[in-house]
PDB file of N, CA and C in Angstrom:
ATOM      1  N   UNK A   1     110.002 126.940 100.415  1.00  0.00           N
ATOM      2  CA  UNK A   1     108.930 127.817 100.868  1.00  0.00           C
ATOM      3  C   UNK A   1     107.635 126.934 100.935  1.00  0.00           C
ATOM      4  N   UNK A   2     106.876 127.016 102.044  1.00  0.00           N
ATOM      5  CA  UNK A   2     105.794 126.338 102.199  1.00  0.00           C
ATOM      6  C   UNK A   2     104.641 127.162 101.553  1.00  0.00           C
ATOM      7  N   UNK A   3     103.657 126.331 100.995  1.00  0.00           N
ATOM      8  CA  UNK A   3     102.537 126.946 100.222  1.00  0.00           C
ATOM      9  C   UNK A   3     101.279 126.396 100.739  1.00  0.00           C
ATOM     10  N   UNK A   4     100.065 127.111 101.007  1.00  0.00           N
ATOM     11  CA  UNK A   4      98.936 126.643 101.679  1.00  0.00           C
ATOM     12  C   UNK A   4      97.678 127.184 100.700  1.00  0.00           C
ATOM     13  N   UNK A   5      96.660 126.255 100.915  1.00  0.00           N
ATOM     14  CA  UNK A   5      95.361 126.782 100.535  1.00  0.00           C
ATOM     15  C   UNK A   5      94.569 127.316 101.764  1.00  0.00           C
ATOM     16  N   UNK A   6      93.984 128.391 101.541  1.00  0.00           N
ATOM     17  CA  UNK A   6      93.104 128.943 102.643  1.00  0.00           C
ATOM     18  C   UNK A   6      91.627 128.622 102.367  1.00  0.00           C
ATOM     19  N   UNK A   7      91.102 127.564 102.977  1.00  0.00           N
ATOM     20  CA  UNK A   7      89.805 127.089 102.607  1.00  0.00           C
ATOM     21  C   UNK A   7      88.818 127.514 103.551  1.00  0.00           C
ATOM     22  N   UNK A   8      87.732 128.152 103.253  1.00  0.00           N
ATOM     23  CA  UNK A   8      86.606 128.531 104.056  1.00  0.00           C
ATOM     24  C   UNK A   8      85.769 127.329 104.529  1.00  0.00           C
ATOM     25  N   UNK A   9      85.566 127.149 105.881  1.00  0.00           N
ATOM     26  CA  UNK A   9      84.879 126.044 106.267  1.00  0.00           C
ATOM     27  C   UNK A   9      83.526 126.608 106.925  1.00  0.00           C
ATOM     28  N   UNK A  10      82.528 126.055 106.661  1.00  0.00           N
ATOM     29  CA  UNK A  10      81.128 126.420 107.078  1.00  0.00           C
ATOM     30  C   UNK A  10      81.261 126.471 108.526  1.00  0.00           C
ATOM     31  N   UNK A  11      80.700 127.592 109.196  1.00  0.00           N
ATOM     32  CA  UNK A  11      80.668 127.838 110.570  1.00  0.00           C
ATOM     33  C   UNK A  11      82.080 127.977 111.248  1.00  0.00           C
ATOM     34  N   UNK A  12      83.064 128.103 110.506  1.00  0.00           N
ATOM     35  CA  UNK A  12      84.389 128.205 111.106  1.00  0.00           C
ATOM     36  C   UNK A  12      85.091 129.196 110.346  1.00  0.00           C
ATOM     37  N   UNK A  13      86.451 129.594 110.894  1.00  0.00           N
ATOM     38  CA  UNK A  13      87.111 130.552 110.242  1.00  0.00           C
ATOM     39  C   UNK A  13      87.794 129.754 108.878  1.00  0.00           C
ATOM     40  N   UNK A  14      88.584 130.437 108.112  1.00  0.00           N
ATOM     41  CA  UNK A  14      89.398 129.692 107.096  1.00  0.00           C
ATOM     42  C   UNK A  14      90.337 128.803 107.828  1.00  0.00           C
ATOM     43  N   UNK A  15      90.559 127.619 107.166  1.00  0.00           N
ATOM     44  CA  UNK A  15      91.544 126.657 107.641  1.00  0.00           C
ATOM     45  C   UNK A  15      92.640 126.676 106.415  1.00  0.00           C
ATOM     46  N   UNK A  16      93.843 126.645 107.046  1.00  0.00           N
ATOM     47  CA  UNK A  16      95.065 126.422 105.995  1.00  0.00           C
ATOM     48  C   UNK A  16      95.458 124.998 105.907  1.00  0.00           C
ATOM     49  N   UNK A  17      95.585 124.693 104.554  1.00  0.00           N
ATOM     50  CA  UNK A  17      96.016 123.204 104.304  1.00  0.00           C
ATOM     51  C   UNK A  17      97.251 123.322 103.391  1.00  0.00           C
ATOM     52  N   UNK A  18      98.338 122.695 103.895  1.00  0.00           N
ATOM     53  CA  UNK A  18      99.549 122.522 103.258  1.00  0.00           C
ATOM     54  C   UNK A  18      99.522 121.789 101.948  1.00  0.00           C
ATOM     55  N   UNK A  19     100.169 122.463 100.871  1.00  0.00           N
ATOM     56  CA  UNK A  19      99.997 121.932  99.638  1.00  0.00           C
ATOM     57  C   UNK A  19     101.454 121.331  99.127  1.00  0.00           C
ATOM     58  N   UNK A  20     102.302 121.554  99.793  1.00  0.00           N
ATOM     59  CA  UNK A  20     103.668 120.924  99.385  1.00  0.00           C
ATOM     60  C   UNK A  20     103.660 119.393  99.535  1.00  0.00           C
ATOM     61  N   UNK A  21     104.471 118.803  98.717  1.00  0.00           N
ATOM     62  CA  UNK A  21     104.501 117.353  98.625  1.00  0.00           C
ATOM     63  C   UNK A  21     103.075 116.741  98.451  1.00  0.00           C
ATOM     64  N   UNK A  22     102.261 117.109  97.744  1.00  0.00           N
ATOM     65  CA  UNK A  22     100.957 116.344  97.406  1.00  0.00           C
ATOM     66  C   UNK A  22     101.227 115.500  96.374  1.00  0.00           C
ATOM     67  N   UNK A  23     100.904 114.096  96.569  1.00  0.00           N
ATOM     68  CA  UNK A  23     101.132 113.093  95.685  1.00  0.00           C
ATOM     69  C   UNK A  23      99.821 112.945  94.670  1.00  0.00           C
ATOM     70  N   UNK A  24      98.695 113.269  95.393  1.00  0.00           N
ATOM     71  CA  UNK A  24      97.391 112.924  94.503  1.00  0.00           C
ATOM     72  C   UNK A  24      96.131 113.715  95.206  1.00  0.00           C
ATOM     73  N   UNK A  25      95.463 114.117  94.511  1.00  0.00           N
ATOM     74  CA  UNK A  25      94.126 114.715  94.878  1.00  0.00           C
ATOM     75  C   UNK A  25      92.917 113.848  94.331  1.00  0.00           C
ATOM     76  N   UNK A  26      92.097 113.271  95.115  1.00  0.00           N
ATOM     77  CA  UNK A  26      91.089 112.269  94.629  1.00  0.00           C
ATOM     78  C   UNK A  26      89.705 112.673  95.212  1.00  0.00           C
ATOM     79  N   UNK A  27      88.767 112.362  94.359  1.00  0.00           N
ATOM     80  CA  UNK A  27      87.295 112.439  94.924  1.00  0.00           C
ATOM     81  C   UNK A  27      87.004 111.180  95.560  1.00  0.00           C
ATOM     82  N   UNK A  28      87.144 111.073  96.835  1.00  0.00           N
ATOM     83  CA  UNK A  28      86.859 109.891  97.705  1.00  0.00           C
ATOM     84  C   UNK A  28      85.314 109.496  97.682  1.00  0.00           C
ATOM     85  N   UNK A  29      84.458 110.464  97.657  1.00  0.00           N
ATOM     86  CA  UNK A  29      83.054 110.168  97.682  1.00  0.00           C
ATOM     87  C   UNK A  29      82.277 111.326  97.151  1.00  0.00           C
ATOM     88  N   UNK A  30      80.959 111.366  97.107  1.00  0.00           N
ATOM     89  CA  UNK A  30      80.157 112.385  96.729  1.00  0.00           C
ATOM     90  C   UNK A  30      80.242 113.732  97.729  1.00  0.00           C
ATOM     91  N   UNK A  31      80.764 113.244  98.984  1.00  0.00           N
ATOM     92  CA  UNK A  31      80.816 114.191 100.131  1.00  0.00           C
ATOM     93  C   UNK A  31      82.415 114.499 100.531  1.00  0.00           C
ATOM     94  N   UNK A  32      83.351 113.964  99.820  1.00  0.00           N
ATOM     95  CA  UNK A  32      84.796 114.158 100.314  1.00  0.00           C
ATOM     96  C   UNK A  32      85.832 114.167  99.247  1.00  0.00           C
ATOM     97  N   UNK A  33      86.776 114.967  99.410  1.00  0.00           N
ATOM     98  CA  UNK A  33      88.001 115.008  98.640  1.00  0.00           C
ATOM     99  C   UNK A  33      89.247 114.718  99.587  1.00  0.00           C
ATOM    100  N   UNK A  34      90.012 113.915  99.015  1.00  0.00           N
ATOM    101  CA  UNK A  34      91.241 113.491  99.869  1.00  0.00           C
ATOM    102  C   UNK A  34      92.407 114.080  99.178  1.00  0.00           C
ATOM    103  N   UNK A  35      93.359 114.658 100.015  1.00  0.00           N
ATOM    104  CA  UNK A  35      94.661 115.062  99.435  1.00  0.00           C
ATOM    105  C   UNK A  35      95.573 114.062 100.118  1.00  0.00           C
ATOM    106  N   UNK A  36      96.346 113.356  99.408  1.00  0.00           N
ATOM    107  CA  UNK A  36      97.317 112.423  99.833  1.00  0.00           C
ATOM    108  C   UNK A  36      98.710 112.974  99.668  1.00  0.00           C
ATOM    109  N   UNK A  37      99.510 113.069 100.657  1.00  0.00           N
ATOM    110  CA  UNK A  37     100.779 113.464 100.769  1.00  0.00           C
ATOM    111  C   UNK A  37     101.761 112.355 100.404  1.00  0.00           C
ATOM    112  N   UNK A  38     103.005 112.671  99.874  1.00  0.00           N
ATOM    113  CA  UNK A  38     103.972 111.810  99.580  1.00  0.00           C
ATOM    114  C   UNK A  38     104.421 111.014 100.947  1.00  0.00           C
ATOM    115  N   UNK A  39     104.288 111.614 102.061  1.00  0.00           N
ATOM    116  CA  UNK A  39     104.575 110.952 103.238  1.00  0.00           C
ATOM    117  C   UNK A  39     103.421 109.739 103.862  1.00  0.00           C
ATOM    118  N   UNK A  40     102.393 109.767 102.916  1.00  0.00           N
ATOM    119  CA  UNK A  40     101.337 108.828 103.308  1.00  0.00           C
ATOM    120  C   UNK A  40     100.208 109.469 104.083  1.00  0.00           C
ATOM    121  N   UNK A  41     100.401 110.679 104.707  1.00  0.00           N
ATOM    122  CA  UNK A  41      99.359 111.382 105.320  1.00  0.00           C
ATOM    123  C   UNK A  41      98.400 111.893 104.434  1.00  0.00           C
ATOM    124  N   UNK A  42      97.191 112.116 105.067  1.00  0.00           N
ATOM    125  CA  UNK A  42      96.032 112.374 104.190  1.00  0.00           C
ATOM    126  C   UNK A  42      95.234 113.625 105.046  1.00  0.00           C
ATOM    127  N   UNK A  43      94.815 114.490 104.088  1.00  0.00           N
ATOM    128  CA  UNK A  43      93.899 115.543 104.468  1.00  0.00           C
ATOM    129  C   UNK A  43      92.550 115.233 103.803  1.00  0.00           C
ATOM    130  N   UNK A  44      91.378 115.232 104.588  1.00  0.00           N
ATOM    131  CA  UNK A  44      90.054 114.860 104.009  1.00  0.00           C
ATOM    132  C   UNK A  44      89.270 116.142 104.126  1.00  0.00           C
ATOM    133  N   UNK A  45      88.788 116.606 102.983  1.00  0.00           N
ATOM    134  CA  UNK A  45      87.892 117.731 102.870  1.00  0.00           C
ATOM    135  C   UNK A  45      86.552 117.258 102.639  1.00  0.00           C
ATOM    136  N   UNK A  46      85.647 117.716 103.718  1.00  0.00           N
ATOM    137  CA  UNK A  46      84.130 117.225 103.563  1.00  0.00           C
ATOM    138  C   UNK A  46      83.496 118.468 102.970  1.00  0.00           C
ATOM    139  N   UNK A  47      82.523 118.152 102.042  1.00  0.00           N
ATOM    140  CA  UNK A  47      81.877 119.203 101.470  1.00  0.00           C
ATOM    141  C   UNK A  47      80.348 118.709 101.246  1.00  0.00           C
ATOM    142  N   UNK A  48      79.492 119.533 100.826  1.00  0.00           N
ATOM    143  CA  UNK A  48      78.107 119.288 100.550  1.00  0.00           C
ATOM    144  C   UNK A  48      78.063 118.081  99.449  1.00  0.00           C
ATOM    145  N   UNK A  49      76.972 117.489  99.395  1.00  0.00           N
ATOM    146  CA  UNK A  49      76.720 116.320  98.557  1.00  0.00           C
ATOM    147  C   UNK A  49      76.672 116.873  97.147  1.00  0.00           C
ATOM    148  N   UNK A  50      77.542 116.248  96.317  1.00  0.00           N
ATOM    149  CA  UNK A  50      77.569 116.499  94.754  1.00  0.00           C
ATOM    150  C   UNK A  50      76.828 115.416  94.146  1.00  0.00           C
ATOM    151  N   UNK A  51      76.465 115.554  92.883  1.00  0.00           N
ATOM    152  CA  UNK A  51      75.825 114.453  92.025  1.00  0.00           C
ATOM    153  C   UNK A  51      76.869 113.369  91.828  1.00  0.00           C
ATOM    154  N   UNK A  52      76.320 112.089  91.518  1.00  0.00           N
ATOM    155  CA  UNK A  52      77.187 111.100  91.387  1.00  0.00           C
ATOM    156  C   UNK A  52      78.270 111.326  90.309  1.00  0.00           C
ATOM    157  N   UNK A  53      79.510 110.851  90.203  1.00  0.00           N
ATOM    158  CA  UNK A  53      80.468 111.109  89.314  1.00  0.00           C
ATOM    159  C   UNK A  53      80.946 112.488  88.960  1.00  0.00           C
ATOM    160  N   UNK A  54      80.446 113.543  89.973  1.00  0.00           N
ATOM    161  CA  UNK A  54      80.926 114.891  89.728  1.00  0.00           C
ATOM    162  C   UNK A  54      82.131 115.208  90.554  1.00  0.00           C
ATOM    163  N   UNK A  55      82.997 115.654  89.849  1.00  0.00           N
ATOM    164  CA  UNK A  55      84.427 115.963  90.578  1.00  0.00           C
ATOM    165  C   UNK A  55      84.758 117.341  90.486  1.00  0.00           C
ATOM    166  N   UNK A  56      83.756 118.199  90.548  1.00  0.00           N
ATOM    167  CA  UNK A  56      84.031 119.681  90.403  1.00  0.00           C
ATOM    168  C   UNK A  56      84.851 120.103  91.557  1.00  0.00           C
ATOM    169  N   UNK A  57      84.449 119.812  92.949  1.00  0.00           N
ATOM    170  CA  UNK A  57      85.095 120.122  93.946  1.00  0.00           C
ATOM    171  C   UNK A  57      86.712 119.750  94.031  1.00  0.00           C
ATOM    172  N   UNK A  58      86.898 118.591  93.591  1.00  0.00           N
ATOM    173  CA  UNK A  58      88.276 118.042  93.499  1.00  0.00           C
ATOM    174  C   UNK A  58      89.065 118.959  92.350  1.00  0.00           C
ATOM    175  N   UNK A  59      88.425 119.019  91.469  1.00  0.00           N
ATOM    176  CA  UNK A  59      89.032 119.983  90.333  1.00  0.00           C
ATOM    177  C   UNK A  59      89.300 121.295  90.824  1.00  0.00           C
ATOM    178  N   UNK A  60      88.457 121.991  91.452  1.00  0.00           N
ATOM    179  CA  UNK A  60      88.727 123.277  92.148  1.00  0.00           C
ATOM    180  C   UNK A  60      89.863 123.346  93.113  1.00  0.00           C
ATOM    181  N   UNK A  61      89.962 122.150  93.885  1.00  0.00           N
ATOM    182  CA  UNK A  61      91.083 122.212  94.848  1.00  0.00           C
ATOM    183  C   UNK A  61      92.273 121.836  94.085  1.00  0.00           C
ATOM    184  N   UNK A  62      92.303 121.009  93.254  1.00  0.00           N
ATOM    185  CA  UNK A  62      93.576 120.691  92.466  1.00  0.00           C
ATOM    186  C   UNK A  62      94.094 121.909  91.650  1.00  0.00           C
ATOM    187  N   UNK A  63      93.119 122.600  91.049  1.00  0.00           N
ATOM    188  CA  UNK A  63      93.494 123.833  90.307  1.00  0.00           C
ATOM    189  C   UNK A  63      93.972 124.844  91.160  1.00  0.00           C
ATOM    190  N   UNK A  64      93.357 125.057  92.453  1.00  0.00           N
ATOM    191  CA  UNK A  64      93.957 125.913  93.322  1.00  0.00           C
ATOM    192  C   UNK A  64      95.397 125.511  93.897  1.00  0.00           C
ATOM    193  N   UNK A  65      95.646 124.323  94.030  1.00  0.00           N
ATOM    194  CA  UNK A  65      97.007 123.842  94.471  1.00  0.00           C
ATOM    195  C   UNK A  65      97.972 124.240  93.340  1.00  0.00           C
ATOM    196  N   UNK A  66      97.581 123.976  92.052  1.00  0.00           N
ATOM    197  CA  UNK A  66      98.593 124.267  91.070  1.00  0.00           C
ATOM    198  C   UNK A  66      98.786 125.892  90.832  1.00  0.00           C
ATOM    199  N   UNK A  67      97.736 126.539  91.151  1.00  0.00           N
ATOM    200  CA  UNK A  67      97.791 128.118  91.181  1.00  0.00           C
ATOM    201  C   UNK A  67      98.726 128.620  92.214  1.00  0.00           C
ATOM    202  N   UNK A  68      98.392 128.147  93.364  1.00  0.00           N
ATOM    203  CA  UNK A  68      99.291 128.655  94.640  1.00  0.00           C
ATOM    204  C   UNK A  68     100.778 128.215  94.420  1.00  0.00           C
ATOM    205  N   UNK A  69     100.849 127.072  93.914  1.00  0.00           N
ATOM    206  CA  UNK A  69     102.294 126.608  93.679  1.00  0.00           C
ATOM    207  C   UNK A  69     103.136 127.543  92.572  1.00  0.00           C
ATOM    208  N   UNK A  70     102.513 128.171  91.729  1.00  0.00           N
ATOM    209  CA  UNK A  70     103.108 129.090  90.739  1.00  0.00           C
ATOM    210  C   UNK A  70     103.205 130.415  91.202  1.00  0.00           C
ATOM    211  N   UNK A  71     102.601 130.862  92.396  1.00  0.00           N
ATOM    212  CA  UNK A  71     102.796 132.108  92.897  1.00  0.00           C
ATOM    213  C   UNK A  71     104.195 132.477  93.429  1.00  0.00           C
ATOM    214  N   UNK A  72     104.573 133.771  93.430  1.00  0.00           N
ATOM    215  CA  UNK A  72     105.830 134.098  93.916  1.00  0.00           C
ATOM    216  C   UNK A  72     105.911 133.770  95.376  1.00  0.00           C
ATOM    217  N   UNK A  73     107.170 133.600  95.876  1.00  0.00           N
ATOM    218  CA  UNK A  73     107.197 133.178  97.440  1.00  0.00           C
ATOM    219  C   UNK A  73     106.575 134.215  98.290  1.00  0.00           C
ATOM    220  N   UNK A  74     106.376 135.330  97.969  1.00  0.00           N
ATOM    221  CA  UNK A  74     105.859 136.415  98.821  1.00  0.00           C
ATOM    222  C   UNK A  74     104.422 136.177  99.104  1.00  0.00           C
ATOM    223  N   UNK A  75     103.720 135.268  98.250  1.00  0.00           N
ATOM    224  CA  UNK A  75     102.212 134.838  98.225  1.00  0.00           C
ATOM    225  C   UNK A  75     102.280 133.461  98.535  1.00  0.00           C
ATOM    226  N   UNK A  76     102.341 133.083  99.903  1.00  0.00           N
ATOM    227  CA  UNK A  76     102.330 131.702 100.330  1.00  0.00           C
ATOM    228  C   UNK A  76     100.987 130.901 100.565  1.00  0.00           C
ATOM    229  N   UNK A  77      99.935 131.717 100.245  1.00  0.00           N
ATOM    230  CA  UNK A  77      98.560 131.170 100.312  1.00  0.00           C
ATOM    231  C   UNK A  77      97.654 131.585  99.338  1.00  0.00           C
ATOM    232  N   UNK A  78      96.615 130.737  99.028  1.00  0.00           N
ATOM    233  CA  UNK A  78      95.600 131.217  98.114  1.00  0.00           C
ATOM    234  C   UNK A  78      94.211 130.681  98.608  1.00  0.00           C
ATOM    235  N   UNK A  79      93.198 131.782  98.440  1.00  0.00           N
ATOM    236  CA  UNK A  79      91.814 131.494  98.958  1.00  0.00           C
ATOM    237  C   UNK A  79      91.178 130.573  98.083  1.00  0.00           C
ATOM    238  N   UNK A  80      90.503 129.479  98.534  1.00  0.00           N
ATOM    239  CA  UNK A  80      89.809 128.517  97.634  1.00  0.00           C
ATOM    240  C   UNK A  80      88.331 129.143  97.492  1.00  0.00           C
ATOM    241  N   UNK A  81      87.838 129.036  96.435  1.00  0.00           N
ATOM    242  CA  UNK A  81      86.450 129.477  96.083  1.00  0.00           C
ATOM    243  C   UNK A  81      85.677 128.221  95.433  1.00  0.00           C
ATOM    244  N   UNK A  82      84.526 127.862  95.757  1.00  0.00           N
ATOM    245  CA  UNK A  82      83.740 126.903  95.087  1.00  0.00           C
ATOM    246  C   UNK A  82      82.652 127.563  94.148  1.00  0.00           C
ATOM    247  N   UNK A  83      82.872 128.837  94.021  1.00  0.00           N
ATOM    248  CA  UNK A  83      81.912 129.621  93.199  1.00  0.00           C
ATOM    249  C   UNK A  83      81.978 129.065  91.801  1.00  0.00           C
ATOM    250  N   UNK A  84      80.779 128.980  91.102  1.00  0.00           N
ATOM    251  CA  UNK A  84      80.810 128.540  89.639  1.00  0.00           C
ATOM    252  C   UNK A  84      80.476 127.171  89.574  1.00  0.00           C
ATOM    253  N   UNK A  85      80.350 126.382  90.606  1.00  0.00           N
ATOM    254  CA  UNK A  85      79.930 124.973  90.674  1.00  0.00           C
ATOM    255  C   UNK A  85      78.755 124.803  91.419  1.00  0.00           C
ATOM    256  N   UNK A  86      77.919 123.784  91.110  1.00  0.00           N
ATOM    257  CA  UNK A  86      76.639 123.519  91.901  1.00  0.00           C
ATOM    258  C   UNK A  86      76.774 122.152  92.612  1.00  0.00           C
ATOM    259  N   UNK A  87      76.228 122.025  93.774  1.00  0.00           N
ATOM    260  CA  UNK A  87      76.145 120.816  94.371  1.00  0.00           C
ATOM    261  C   UNK A  87      74.818 119.987  94.001  1.00  0.00           C
ATOM    262  N   UNK A  88      74.490 118.917  94.416  1.00  0.00           N
ATOM    263  CA  UNK A  88      73.466 118.079  94.007  1.00  0.00           C
ATOM    264  C   UNK A  88      72.073 118.785  94.166  1.00  0.00           C
ATOM    265  N   UNK A  89      72.097 119.656  95.210  1.00  0.00           N
ATOM    266  CA  UNK A  89      70.726 120.525  95.315  1.00  0.00           C
ATOM    267  C   UNK A  89      70.654 121.842  94.375  1.00  0.00           C
ATOM    268  N   UNK A  90      71.695 121.925  93.791  1.00  0.00           N
ATOM    269  CA  UNK A  90      71.561 123.188  92.844  1.00  0.00           C
ATOM    270  C   UNK A  90      72.305 124.429  93.344  1.00  0.00           C
ATOM    271  N   UNK A  91      72.765 124.319  94.677  1.00  0.00           N
ATOM    272  CA  UNK A  91      73.467 125.434  95.260  1.00  0.00           C
ATOM    273  C   UNK A  91      75.017 125.434  95.074  1.00  0.00           C
ATOM    274  N   UNK A  92      75.484 126.523  95.780  1.00  0.00           N
ATOM    275  CA  UNK A  92      77.022 126.454  95.700  1.00  0.00           C
ATOM    276  C   UNK A  92      77.453 125.517  96.940  1.00  0.00           C
ATOM    277  N   UNK A  93      78.269 124.668  96.624  1.00  0.00           N
ATOM    278  CA  UNK A  93      78.719 123.535  97.578  1.00  0.00           C
ATOM    279  C   UNK A  93      79.639 124.486  98.733  1.00  0.00           C
ATOM    280  N   UNK A  94      79.523 123.941  99.994  1.00  0.00           N
ATOM    281  CA  UNK A  94      80.264 124.472 101.005  1.00  0.00           C
ATOM    282  C   UNK A  94      81.073 123.466 101.690  1.00  0.00           C
ATOM    283  N   UNK A  95      82.278 123.821 102.052  1.00  0.00           N
ATOM    284  CA  UNK A  95      83.269 122.882 102.774  1.00  0.00           C
ATOM    285  C   UNK A  95      82.690 122.857 104.153  1.00  0.00           C
ATOM    286  N   UNK A  96      82.399 121.657 104.693  1.00  0.00           N
ATOM    287  CA  UNK A  96      81.841 121.570 105.883  1.00  0.00           C
ATOM    288  C   UNK A  96      82.660 120.952 107.126  1.00  0.00           C
ATOM    289  N   UNK A  97      84.068 120.641 106.633  1.00  0.00           N
ATOM    290  CA  UNK A  97      84.986 120.106 107.764  1.00  0.00           C
ATOM    291  C   UNK A  97      86.352 119.621 107.080  1.00  0.00           C
ATOM    292  N   UNK A  98      87.386 119.807 107.879  1.00  0.00           N
ATOM    293  CA  UNK A  98      88.726 119.256 107.397  1.00  0.00           C
ATOM    294  C   UNK A  98      89.305 118.437 108.446  1.00  0.00           C
ATOM    295  N   UNK A  99      89.874 117.329 108.003  1.00  0.00           N
ATOM    296  CA  UNK A  99      90.523 116.390 109.004  1.00  0.00           C
ATOM    297  C   UNK A  99      91.805 115.921 108.338  1.00  0.00           C
ATOM    298  N   UNK A 100      92.701 115.679 109.153  1.00  0.00           N
ATOM    299  CA  UNK A 100      94.100 115.163 108.886  1.00  0.00           C
ATOM    300  C   UNK A 100      94.154 113.914 109.545  1.00  0.00           C
ATOM    301  N   UNK A 101      94.887 112.884 108.790  1.00  0.00           N
ATOM    302  CA  UNK A 101      95.245 111.627 109.406  1.00  0.00           C
ATOM    303  C   UNK A 101      96.536 111.160 108.795  1.00  0.00           C
TER     304      UNK A 101
END
């Protein structure tokens, strides 16, 4: 059963990101989180600027992956929320884009 994160993207509809076969989730920069798959493919999630060494967005994405993988097969997706964390400007960070390579 495939599992997905449903990620709200600023000025777009929610985007689905596959979470099966994730090898690692890493904070690539203060504005990007990378999901690396066992196949070597990558999903880059761009977000508002975070403070240096802040991995709260990565942690939320990683926790969401773990949560959706534990859901019953009848629930194939989980809505990601960045509520409860702050970006470098003191606001709630937003996802600004998702790319695959």
